[in-house]
Amino acid sequence: MTRARWIALGLVAVLSVLAQAFGPHPPYARWWDLVPGSYALFGFLGCVAIVVVSKRLGKAVLQRPEGYYDDA
């Protein structure tokens, strides 16, 4: 990615956390609603979990041994 895209991505991330922290809020239903950026962190950790699980599942189920097709 170019430097301008990284800067734009960082700016969007900072602005989204600030909007959640200082924007209007409905009454709090859960304790994590009080933590600024909690949903952004939850989404990030969810994406990391998806990547880690899919890589391990792919290696366990989809990948074949190196000489798999040579044993014909």
Protein backbone atom coordinates (compact mmCIF):
# COMPACT_ATOMS: atom_id res chain seq x y z
CA MET A 1 0.00 0.00 0.00
CA THR A 2 1.12 3.49 -0.62
CA ARG A 3 1.95 5.92 2.14
CA ALA A 4 -1.22 7.94 1.45
CA ARG A 5 -3.41 4.87 1.93
CA TRP A 6 -1.72 4.01 5.24
CA ILE A 7 -2.26 7.57 6.43
CA ALA A 8 -5.91 7.48 5.35
CA LEU A 9 -6.41 4.11 7.07
CA GLY A 10 -4.88 5.42 10.30
CA LEU A 11 -6.98 8.57 10.13
CA VAL A 12 -10.19 6.58 9.65
CA ALA A 13 -9.28 4.33 12.59
CA VAL A 14 -8.57 7.27 14.90
CA LEU A 15 -11.71 9.11 13.83
CA SER A 16 -13.89 6.03 14.36
CA VAL A 17 -12.55 5.56 17.90
CA LEU A 18 -13.04 9.27 18.65
CA ALA A 19 -16.57 9.21 17.24
CA GLN A 20 -17.44 6.26 19.44
CA ALA A 21 -15.81 7.86 22.50
CA PHE A 22 -17.30 11.33 22.19
CA GLY A 23 -20.42 10.77 20.08
CA PRO A 24 -23.98 10.41 21.39
CA HIS A 25 -24.60 7.22 23.31
CA PRO A 26 -27.77 5.36 24.21
CA PRO A 27 -28.14 4.27 27.83
CA TYR A 28 -25.52 1.70 28.69
CA ALA A 29 -26.74 -1.87 28.75
CA ARG A 30 -23.42 -3.66 29.36
CA TRP A 31 -20.17 -2.82 31.14
CA TRP A 32 -18.07 -2.89 27.96
CA ASP A 33 -20.21 -0.10 26.51
CA LEU A 34 -18.39 2.21 28.94
CA VAL A 35 -14.97 1.38 27.43
CA PRO A 36 -14.12 3.64 24.47
CA GLY A 37 -13.27 1.66 21.36
CA SER A 38 -14.47 -1.65 22.81
CA TYR A 39 -16.40 -2.64 19.68
CA ALA A 40 -13.45 -1.72 17.46
CA LEU A 41 -11.22 -3.94 19.60
CA PHE A 42 -13.82 -6.71 19.57
CA GLY A 43 -14.02 -6.55 15.76
CA PHE A 44 -10.23 -6.57 15.41
CA LEU A 45 -9.84 -9.57 17.72
CA GLY A 46 -12.65 -11.36 15.87
CA CYS A 47 -10.86 -10.86 12.55
CA VAL A 48 -7.57 -12.08 14.02
CA ALA A 49 -9.34 -15.18 15.36
CA ILE A 50 -10.88 -15.88 11.95
CA VAL A 51 -7.48 -15.65 10.25
CA VAL A 52 -5.71 -17.85 12.82
CA VAL A 53 -8.43 -20.53 12.82
CA SER A 54 -8.69 -20.60 9.02
CA LYS A 55 -4.91 -20.94 8.62
CA ARG A 56 -4.76 -23.84 11.06
CA LEU A 57 -7.81 -25.49 9.53
CA GLY A 58 -6.34 -25.08 6.05
CA LYS A 59 -3.06 -26.66 7.07
CA ALA A 60 -4.80 -29.55 8.85
CA VAL A 61 -7.46 -30.31 6.24
CA LEU A 62 -6.60 -28.79 2.86
CA GLN A 63 -2.83 -29.03 2.50
CA ARG A 64 -1.39 -32.26 1.18
CA PRO A 65 2.07 -33.68 1.92
CA GLU A 66 4.86 -32.56 -0.39
CA GLY A 67 5.07 -35.80 -2.39
CA TYR A 68 1.32 -36.40 -2.56
CA TYR A 69 0.99 -36.26 -6.33
CA ASP A 70 4.36 -37.88 -7.12
CA ASP A 71 3.35 -41.33 -5.80
CA ALA A 72 1.28 -42.18 -8.90
